[in-house]
């Protein structure tokens, strides 16, 4: 309990000296590929008419220049499968994100929204060759 109170008090005291004008300026800044840079943890879930329910979790690293790579563990029909992927992304000024990724034998497309000052991406995607639809979240480490 003391630790929680101390953290709250420290947060309040750090915020008390900071003005909010800088925060307002950040809201007006347009998003770019550089808004998505670093390593994010992600999770997703979805369904396929052929395979049923699917879910995955992993790590994705974006270079701030439109290129990404990552690794994952997914479950399909009750089996756990590990894999890697590479891809590209674009970020519009309104913070919408488009992603194209693929692995050894698959390709997927996704769209999302960059939120929380670039610390999270909320998204939906599809692997059209086997009709898998997913939604998920990626959070910056």
N, C-alpha and C. Protein backbone atom coordinates (compact mmCIF):
# COMPACT_ATOMS: atom_id res chain seq x y z
N UNK A 1 0.82 -1.19 0.00
CA UNK A 1 0.00 0.00 0.00
C UNK A 1 0.86 1.25 0.00
N UNK A 2 1.95 1.25 0.81
CA UNK A 2 2.84 2.41 0.86
C UNK A 2 3.48 2.64 -0.50
N UNK A 3 3.84 1.56 -1.19
CA UNK A 3 4.47 1.68 -2.49
C UNK A 3 3.51 2.33 -3.50
N UNK A 4 2.24 1.93 -3.49
CA UNK A 4 1.26 2.50 -4.41
C UNK A 4 1.08 3.99 -4.14
N UNK A 5 0.97 4.37 -2.90
CA UNK A 5 0.80 5.77 -2.54
C UNK A 5 2.03 6.56 -2.98
N UNK A 6 3.22 6.02 -2.76
CA UNK A 6 4.45 6.69 -3.14
C UNK A 6 4.50 6.89 -4.66
N UNK A 7 4.14 5.87 -5.43
CA UNK A 7 4.15 5.99 -6.89
C UNK A 7 3.16 7.05 -7.34
N UNK A 8 1.97 7.05 -6.77
CA UNK A 8 0.97 8.05 -7.13
C UNK A 8 1.46 9.45 -6.79
N UNK A 9 2.04 9.64 -5.60
CA UNK A 9 2.54 10.95 -5.21
C UNK A 9 3.68 11.39 -6.11
N UNK A 10 4.58 10.47 -6.47
CA UNK A 10 5.68 10.82 -7.36
C UNK A 10 5.14 11.22 -8.73
N UNK A 11 4.17 10.49 -9.23
CA UNK A 11 3.57 10.81 -10.52
C UNK A 11 2.92 12.18 -10.50
N UNK A 12 2.19 12.47 -9.42
CA UNK A 12 1.54 13.77 -9.31
C UNK A 12 2.56 14.89 -9.20
N UNK A 13 3.63 14.67 -8.43
CA UNK A 13 4.61 15.74 -8.27
C UNK A 13 5.38 15.97 -9.56
N UNK A 14 5.66 14.92 -10.31
CA UNK A 14 6.35 15.10 -11.59
C UNK A 14 5.45 15.82 -12.58
N UNK A 15 4.18 15.50 -12.57
CA UNK A 15 3.24 16.15 -13.48
C UNK A 15 2.92 17.57 -13.09
N UNK A 16 3.03 17.89 -11.81
CA UNK A 16 2.66 19.23 -11.34
C UNK A 16 3.58 20.30 -11.90
N UNK A 17 4.84 19.98 -12.09
CA UNK A 17 5.78 20.97 -12.60
C UNK A 17 5.74 21.09 -14.11
N UNK A 18 5.14 20.13 -14.77
CA UNK A 18 5.11 20.16 -16.23
C UNK A 18 3.87 20.89 -16.72
N UNK A 19 4.04 21.69 -17.74
CA UNK A 19 2.90 22.38 -18.33
C UNK A 19 2.16 21.47 -19.28
N UNK A 20 0.94 21.78 -19.57
CA UNK A 20 0.16 20.97 -20.48
C UNK A 20 0.25 21.46 -21.91
N UNK A 21 0.88 22.59 -22.14
CA UNK A 21 0.99 23.12 -23.50
C UNK A 21 1.75 22.15 -24.39
N UNK A 22 2.79 21.51 -23.88
CA UNK A 22 3.55 20.55 -24.66
C UNK A 22 2.71 19.35 -25.05
N UNK A 23 1.83 18.92 -24.14
CA UNK A 23 0.95 17.80 -24.44
C UNK A 23 -0.02 18.15 -25.55
N UNK A 24 -0.53 19.36 -25.54
CA UNK A 24 -1.46 19.78 -26.58
C UNK A 24 -0.76 19.83 -27.93
N UNK A 25 0.49 20.26 -27.96
CA UNK A 25 1.23 20.33 -29.21
C UNK A 25 1.41 18.94 -29.82
N UNK A 26 1.60 17.91 -29.00
CA UNK A 26 1.79 16.57 -29.51
C UNK A 26 0.55 16.05 -30.22
N UNK A 27 -0.61 16.45 -29.76
CA UNK A 27 -1.86 16.00 -30.36
C UNK A 27 -1.96 16.48 -31.80
N UNK A 28 -1.46 17.68 -32.08
CA UNK A 28 -1.57 18.26 -33.41
C UNK A 28 -0.50 17.78 -34.37
N UNK A 29 0.54 17.10 -33.89
CA UNK A 29 1.59 16.62 -34.76
C UNK A 29 1.07 15.46 -35.61
N UNK A 30 1.36 15.49 -36.93
CA UNK A 30 0.92 14.37 -37.76
C UNK A 30 1.76 13.13 -37.50
N UNK A 31 1.17 11.98 -37.70
CA UNK A 31 1.90 10.72 -37.55
C UNK A 31 2.68 10.44 -38.83
N UNK A 32 3.79 9.71 -38.70
CA UNK A 32 4.61 9.27 -39.82
C UNK A 32 5.11 7.86 -39.52
N UNK A 33 5.84 7.25 -40.47
CA UNK A 33 6.43 5.94 -40.23
C UNK A 33 7.31 5.97 -38.98
N UNK A 34 7.96 7.12 -38.73
CA UNK A 34 8.82 7.22 -37.55
C UNK A 34 8.02 7.20 -36.24
N UNK A 35 6.70 7.39 -36.32
CA UNK A 35 5.85 7.29 -35.13
C UNK A 35 5.76 5.86 -34.63
N UNK A 36 6.06 4.90 -35.50
CA UNK A 36 6.05 3.48 -35.15
C UNK A 36 7.49 2.99 -35.26
N UNK A 37 8.20 3.01 -34.14
CA UNK A 37 9.59 2.59 -34.13
C UNK A 37 9.88 1.87 -32.82
N UNK A 38 10.65 0.79 -32.89
CA UNK A 38 10.97 0.03 -31.69
C UNK A 38 10.29 -1.32 -31.69
N UNK A 39 10.29 -1.94 -30.53
CA UNK A 39 9.75 -3.29 -30.38
C UNK A 39 8.41 -3.23 -29.65
N UNK A 40 7.45 -3.94 -30.19
CA UNK A 40 6.10 -4.03 -29.65
C UNK A 40 5.77 -5.49 -29.36
N UNK A 41 5.09 -5.74 -28.27
CA UNK A 41 4.51 -7.05 -28.02
C UNK A 41 3.11 -7.05 -28.59
N UNK A 42 2.67 -8.14 -29.18
CA UNK A 42 1.32 -8.15 -29.75
C UNK A 42 0.57 -9.42 -29.40
N UNK A 43 -0.75 -9.31 -29.45
CA UNK A 43 -1.62 -10.47 -29.35
C UNK A 43 -2.76 -10.27 -30.33
N UNK A 44 -3.28 -11.35 -30.83
CA UNK A 44 -4.40 -11.28 -31.76
C UNK A 44 -5.26 -12.51 -31.59
N UNK A 45 -6.47 -12.40 -32.03
CA UNK A 45 -7.36 -13.56 -32.07
C UNK A 45 -8.31 -13.39 -33.23
N UNK A 46 -8.82 -14.51 -33.71
CA UNK A 46 -9.72 -14.44 -34.85
C UNK A 46 -10.26 -15.81 -35.18
N UNK A 47 -10.77 -15.90 -36.41
CA UNK A 47 -11.41 -17.15 -36.82
C UNK A 47 -11.27 -17.33 -38.33
N UNK A 48 -11.36 -18.58 -38.71
CA UNK A 48 -11.34 -18.97 -40.11
C UNK A 48 -12.44 -19.99 -40.32
N UNK A 49 -13.10 -19.90 -41.47
CA UNK A 49 -14.15 -20.89 -41.76
C UNK A 49 -13.54 -22.28 -41.92
N UNK A 50 -12.28 -22.36 -42.36
CA UNK A 50 -11.63 -23.66 -42.56
C UNK A 50 -10.96 -24.19 -41.30
N UNK A 51 -10.37 -23.29 -40.49
CA UNK A 51 -9.57 -23.74 -39.36
C UNK A 51 -10.19 -23.48 -37.99
N UNK A 52 -11.27 -22.72 -37.92
CA UNK A 52 -11.87 -22.40 -36.64
C UNK A 52 -11.16 -21.26 -35.95
N UNK A 53 -11.18 -21.26 -34.61
CA UNK A 53 -10.58 -20.20 -33.82
C UNK A 53 -9.06 -20.23 -33.92
N UNK A 54 -8.46 -19.04 -33.94
CA UNK A 54 -7.00 -18.93 -33.93
C UNK A 54 -6.59 -17.78 -33.03
N UNK A 55 -5.40 -17.87 -32.49
CA UNK A 55 -4.86 -16.80 -31.65
C UNK A 55 -3.34 -16.82 -31.79
N UNK A 56 -2.71 -15.68 -31.55
CA UNK A 56 -1.25 -15.60 -31.63
C UNK A 56 -0.75 -14.51 -30.69
N UNK A 57 0.52 -14.64 -30.32
CA UNK A 57 1.20 -13.62 -29.53
C UNK A 57 2.66 -13.63 -29.96
N UNK A 58 3.28 -12.46 -29.87
CA UNK A 58 4.68 -12.40 -30.27
C UNK A 58 5.26 -11.02 -30.13
N UNK A 59 6.33 -10.80 -30.87
CA UNK A 59 7.07 -9.56 -30.81
C UNK A 59 7.29 -9.06 -32.24
N UNK A 60 7.16 -7.76 -32.42
CA UNK A 60 7.34 -7.14 -33.73
C UNK A 60 8.24 -5.91 -33.56
N UNK A 61 9.20 -5.75 -34.46
CA UNK A 61 10.12 -4.62 -34.40
C UNK A 61 9.99 -3.79 -35.66
N UNK A 62 9.72 -2.50 -35.49
CA UNK A 62 9.58 -1.56 -36.60
C UNK A 62 10.79 -0.63 -36.62
N UNK A 63 11.30 -0.33 -37.82
CA UNK A 63 12.52 0.48 -37.92
C UNK A 63 12.27 1.98 -38.05
N UNK A 64 11.00 2.41 -38.09
CA UNK A 64 10.70 3.83 -38.24
C UNK A 64 10.79 4.30 -39.68
N UNK A 65 11.09 3.38 -40.61
CA UNK A 65 11.24 3.71 -42.03
C UNK A 65 10.34 2.86 -42.92
N UNK A 66 9.38 2.14 -42.29
CA UNK A 66 8.43 1.36 -43.07
C UNK A 66 8.74 -0.13 -43.18
N UNK A 67 9.74 -0.63 -42.46
CA UNK A 67 10.07 -2.05 -42.49
C UNK A 67 9.90 -2.65 -41.10
N UNK A 68 9.46 -3.91 -41.07
CA UNK A 68 9.27 -4.58 -39.78
C UNK A 68 9.61 -6.05 -39.88
N UNK A 69 9.83 -6.65 -38.72
CA UNK A 69 10.08 -8.09 -38.63
C UNK A 69 9.61 -8.55 -37.25
N UNK A 70 9.37 -9.84 -37.13
CA UNK A 70 8.91 -10.32 -35.84
C UNK A 70 8.87 -11.82 -35.75
N UNK A 71 8.47 -12.27 -34.58
CA UNK A 71 8.29 -13.70 -34.33
C UNK A 71 7.00 -13.89 -33.55
N UNK A 72 6.46 -15.09 -33.59
CA UNK A 72 5.17 -15.35 -32.97
C UNK A 72 5.02 -16.81 -32.59
N UNK A 73 4.05 -17.06 -31.73
CA UNK A 73 3.53 -18.39 -31.48
C UNK A 73 2.04 -18.30 -31.72
N UNK A 74 1.50 -19.19 -32.55
CA UNK A 74 0.06 -19.18 -32.83
C UNK A 74 -0.51 -20.56 -32.55
N UNK A 75 -1.81 -20.57 -32.37
CA UNK A 75 -2.50 -21.83 -32.20
C UNK A 75 -3.51 -21.97 -33.34
N UNK A 76 -3.47 -23.12 -33.97
CA UNK A 76 -4.41 -23.45 -35.04
C UNK A 76 -4.87 -24.87 -34.81
N UNK A 77 -6.15 -25.06 -34.71
CA UNK A 77 -6.73 -26.39 -34.47
C UNK A 77 -6.09 -27.09 -33.28
N UNK A 78 -5.76 -26.30 -32.23
CA UNK A 78 -5.21 -26.88 -31.01
C UNK A 78 -3.71 -27.11 -31.03
N UNK A 79 -3.02 -26.80 -32.12
CA UNK A 79 -1.57 -26.97 -32.20
C UNK A 79 -0.87 -25.62 -32.01
N UNK A 80 0.26 -25.63 -31.30
CA UNK A 80 1.08 -24.42 -31.16
C UNK A 80 2.14 -24.43 -32.25
N UNK A 81 2.25 -23.31 -32.97
CA UNK A 81 3.19 -23.20 -34.08
C UNK A 81 3.98 -21.92 -33.92
N UNK A 82 5.31 -22.04 -33.96
CA UNK A 82 6.19 -20.87 -33.90
C UNK A 82 6.58 -20.44 -35.30
N UNK A 83 6.80 -19.13 -35.47
CA UNK A 83 7.20 -18.66 -36.79
C UNK A 83 7.80 -17.27 -36.74
N UNK A 84 8.25 -16.83 -37.90
CA UNK A 84 8.85 -15.51 -38.08
C UNK A 84 8.19 -14.84 -39.29
N UNK A 85 8.26 -13.52 -39.34
CA UNK A 85 7.71 -12.80 -40.47
C UNK A 85 8.50 -11.52 -40.72
N UNK A 86 8.34 -10.99 -41.92
CA UNK A 86 8.90 -9.69 -42.31
C UNK A 86 7.80 -8.96 -43.05
N UNK A 87 7.93 -7.65 -43.16
CA UNK A 87 6.92 -6.90 -43.89
C UNK A 87 7.22 -5.42 -43.96
N UNK A 88 6.21 -4.72 -44.42
CA UNK A 88 6.30 -3.27 -44.56
C UNK A 88 5.08 -2.63 -43.93
N UNK A 89 5.21 -1.34 -43.62
CA UNK A 89 4.08 -0.60 -43.09
C UNK A 89 4.13 0.84 -43.55
N UNK A 90 2.97 1.46 -43.58
CA UNK A 90 2.86 2.90 -43.84
C UNK A 90 2.01 3.50 -42.74
N UNK A 91 2.26 4.77 -42.45
CA UNK A 91 1.50 5.50 -41.44
C UNK A 91 1.03 6.81 -42.06
N UNK A 92 -0.26 7.06 -42.02
CA UNK A 92 -0.82 8.30 -42.55
C UNK A 92 -0.78 9.39 -41.48
N UNK A 93 -0.93 10.62 -41.90
CA UNK A 93 -0.89 11.76 -40.98
C UNK A 93 -1.96 11.65 -39.90
N UNK A 94 -3.11 11.00 -40.21
CA UNK A 94 -4.18 10.84 -39.22
C UNK A 94 -3.95 9.65 -38.29
N UNK A 95 -2.78 9.04 -38.37
CA UNK A 95 -2.33 7.93 -37.51
C UNK A 95 -2.93 6.57 -37.87
N UNK A 96 -3.53 6.44 -39.06
CA UNK A 96 -3.93 5.11 -39.52
C UNK A 96 -2.69 4.40 -40.04
N UNK A 97 -2.63 3.10 -39.79
CA UNK A 97 -1.48 2.28 -40.14
C UNK A 97 -1.94 1.17 -41.08
N UNK A 98 -1.17 0.94 -42.14
CA UNK A 98 -1.41 -0.19 -43.05
C UNK A 98 -0.19 -1.10 -42.98
N UNK A 99 -0.43 -2.42 -42.90
CA UNK A 99 0.65 -3.38 -42.74
C UNK A 99 0.50 -4.50 -43.76
N UNK A 100 1.62 -4.94 -44.31
CA UNK A 100 1.67 -6.11 -45.19
C UNK A 100 2.80 -6.99 -44.67
N UNK A 101 2.47 -8.20 -44.23
CA UNK A 101 3.47 -9.10 -43.64
C UNK A 101 3.36 -10.48 -44.26
N UNK A 102 4.44 -11.25 -44.14
CA UNK A 102 4.42 -12.61 -44.64
C UNK A 102 5.47 -13.47 -44.00
N UNK A 103 5.22 -14.76 -44.07
CA UNK A 103 6.17 -15.76 -43.58
C UNK A 103 6.56 -16.66 -44.73
N UNK A 104 7.07 -17.85 -44.42
CA UNK A 104 7.54 -18.78 -45.43
C UNK A 104 6.44 -19.19 -46.42
N UNK A 105 5.21 -19.32 -45.94
CA UNK A 105 4.15 -19.81 -46.83
C UNK A 105 2.84 -19.05 -46.67
N UNK A 106 2.87 -17.82 -46.19
CA UNK A 106 1.64 -17.07 -45.99
C UNK A 106 1.87 -15.58 -46.17
N UNK A 107 0.77 -14.86 -46.37
CA UNK A 107 0.80 -13.40 -46.51
C UNK A 107 -0.47 -12.84 -45.87
N UNK A 108 -0.34 -11.71 -45.19
CA UNK A 108 -1.51 -11.09 -44.55
C UNK A 108 -1.43 -9.57 -44.69
N UNK A 109 -2.59 -8.95 -44.67
CA UNK A 109 -2.71 -7.49 -44.74
C UNK A 109 -3.47 -7.02 -43.51
N UNK A 110 -3.17 -5.82 -43.04
CA UNK A 110 -3.88 -5.29 -41.88
C UNK A 110 -3.98 -3.79 -41.91
N UNK A 111 -4.93 -3.27 -41.17
CA UNK A 111 -5.13 -1.83 -40.98
C UNK A 111 -5.32 -1.58 -39.50
N UNK A 112 -4.87 -0.42 -39.05
CA UNK A 112 -5.02 -0.12 -37.65
C UNK A 112 -4.93 1.35 -37.35
N UNK A 113 -4.94 1.66 -36.06
CA UNK A 113 -4.88 3.04 -35.58
C UNK A 113 -3.80 3.12 -34.52
N UNK A 114 -2.90 4.07 -34.70
CA UNK A 114 -1.84 4.34 -33.74
C UNK A 114 -2.43 5.20 -32.63
N UNK A 115 -2.29 4.77 -31.38
CA UNK A 115 -2.85 5.49 -30.23
C UNK A 115 -1.80 5.61 -29.13
N UNK A 116 -2.14 6.38 -28.12
CA UNK A 116 -1.31 6.51 -26.93
C UNK A 116 0.10 6.99 -27.28
N UNK A 117 0.16 8.03 -28.12
CA UNK A 117 1.42 8.65 -28.55
C UNK A 117 2.40 7.63 -29.14
N UNK A 118 1.88 6.71 -29.94
CA UNK A 118 2.73 5.73 -30.62
C UNK A 118 3.07 4.51 -29.80
N UNK A 119 2.49 4.38 -28.63
CA UNK A 119 2.81 3.24 -27.77
C UNK A 119 1.93 2.03 -28.02
N UNK A 120 0.83 2.21 -28.79
CA UNK A 120 -0.08 1.10 -29.08
C UNK A 120 -0.61 1.21 -30.49
N UNK A 121 -0.88 0.05 -31.09
CA UNK A 121 -1.57 -0.01 -32.37
C UNK A 121 -2.75 -0.96 -32.20
N UNK A 122 -3.94 -0.47 -32.48
CA UNK A 122 -5.15 -1.29 -32.47
C UNK A 122 -5.43 -1.65 -33.93
N UNK A 123 -5.63 -2.93 -34.24
CA UNK A 123 -5.72 -3.29 -35.65
C UNK A 123 -6.61 -4.49 -35.93
N UNK A 124 -6.93 -4.62 -37.22
CA UNK A 124 -7.64 -5.78 -37.76
C UNK A 124 -6.85 -6.24 -38.98
N UNK A 125 -6.96 -7.52 -39.31
CA UNK A 125 -6.22 -8.03 -40.44
C UNK A 125 -6.85 -9.26 -41.03
N UNK A 126 -6.30 -9.66 -42.18
CA UNK A 126 -6.82 -10.84 -42.88
C UNK A 126 -5.69 -11.56 -43.60
N UNK A 127 -5.76 -12.87 -43.54
CA UNK A 127 -4.91 -13.72 -44.37
C UNK A 127 -5.87 -14.29 -45.41
N UNK A 128 -5.91 -13.66 -46.58
CA UNK A 128 -6.98 -13.93 -47.53
C UNK A 128 -6.88 -15.29 -48.21
N UNK A 129 -5.70 -15.89 -48.29
CA UNK A 129 -5.59 -17.17 -48.99
C UNK A 129 -6.35 -18.29 -48.27
N UNK A 130 -6.53 -18.17 -46.94
CA UNK A 130 -7.31 -19.18 -46.22
C UNK A 130 -8.44 -18.55 -45.40
N UNK A 131 -8.78 -17.32 -45.74
CA UNK A 131 -9.92 -16.62 -45.13
C UNK A 131 -9.84 -16.56 -43.60
N UNK A 132 -8.71 -16.09 -43.06
CA UNK A 132 -8.56 -15.88 -41.63
C UNK A 132 -8.73 -14.40 -41.35
N UNK A 133 -9.62 -14.07 -40.42
CA UNK A 133 -9.84 -12.69 -40.01
C UNK A 133 -9.42 -12.56 -38.55
N UNK A 134 -8.64 -11.52 -38.22
CA UNK A 134 -8.15 -11.36 -36.86
C UNK A 134 -8.25 -9.90 -36.42
N UNK A 135 -8.21 -9.70 -35.12
CA UNK A 135 -8.06 -8.36 -34.55
C UNK A 135 -7.11 -8.48 -33.37
N UNK A 136 -6.45 -7.37 -33.05
CA UNK A 136 -5.50 -7.45 -31.96
C UNK A 136 -4.97 -6.10 -31.56
N UNK A 137 -3.98 -6.15 -30.69
CA UNK A 137 -3.33 -4.94 -30.18
C UNK A 137 -1.83 -5.21 -30.10
N UNK A 138 -1.06 -4.17 -30.40
CA UNK A 138 0.40 -4.22 -30.22
C UNK A 138 0.77 -3.10 -29.26
N UNK A 139 1.58 -3.40 -28.26
CA UNK A 139 2.00 -2.41 -27.26
C UNK A 139 3.51 -2.33 -27.23
N UNK A 140 4.01 -1.10 -27.21
CA UNK A 140 5.44 -0.88 -27.21
C UNK A 140 6.06 -1.32 -25.90
N UNK A 141 7.20 -1.99 -25.98
CA UNK A 141 7.93 -2.44 -24.79
C UNK A 141 8.45 -1.27 -24.02
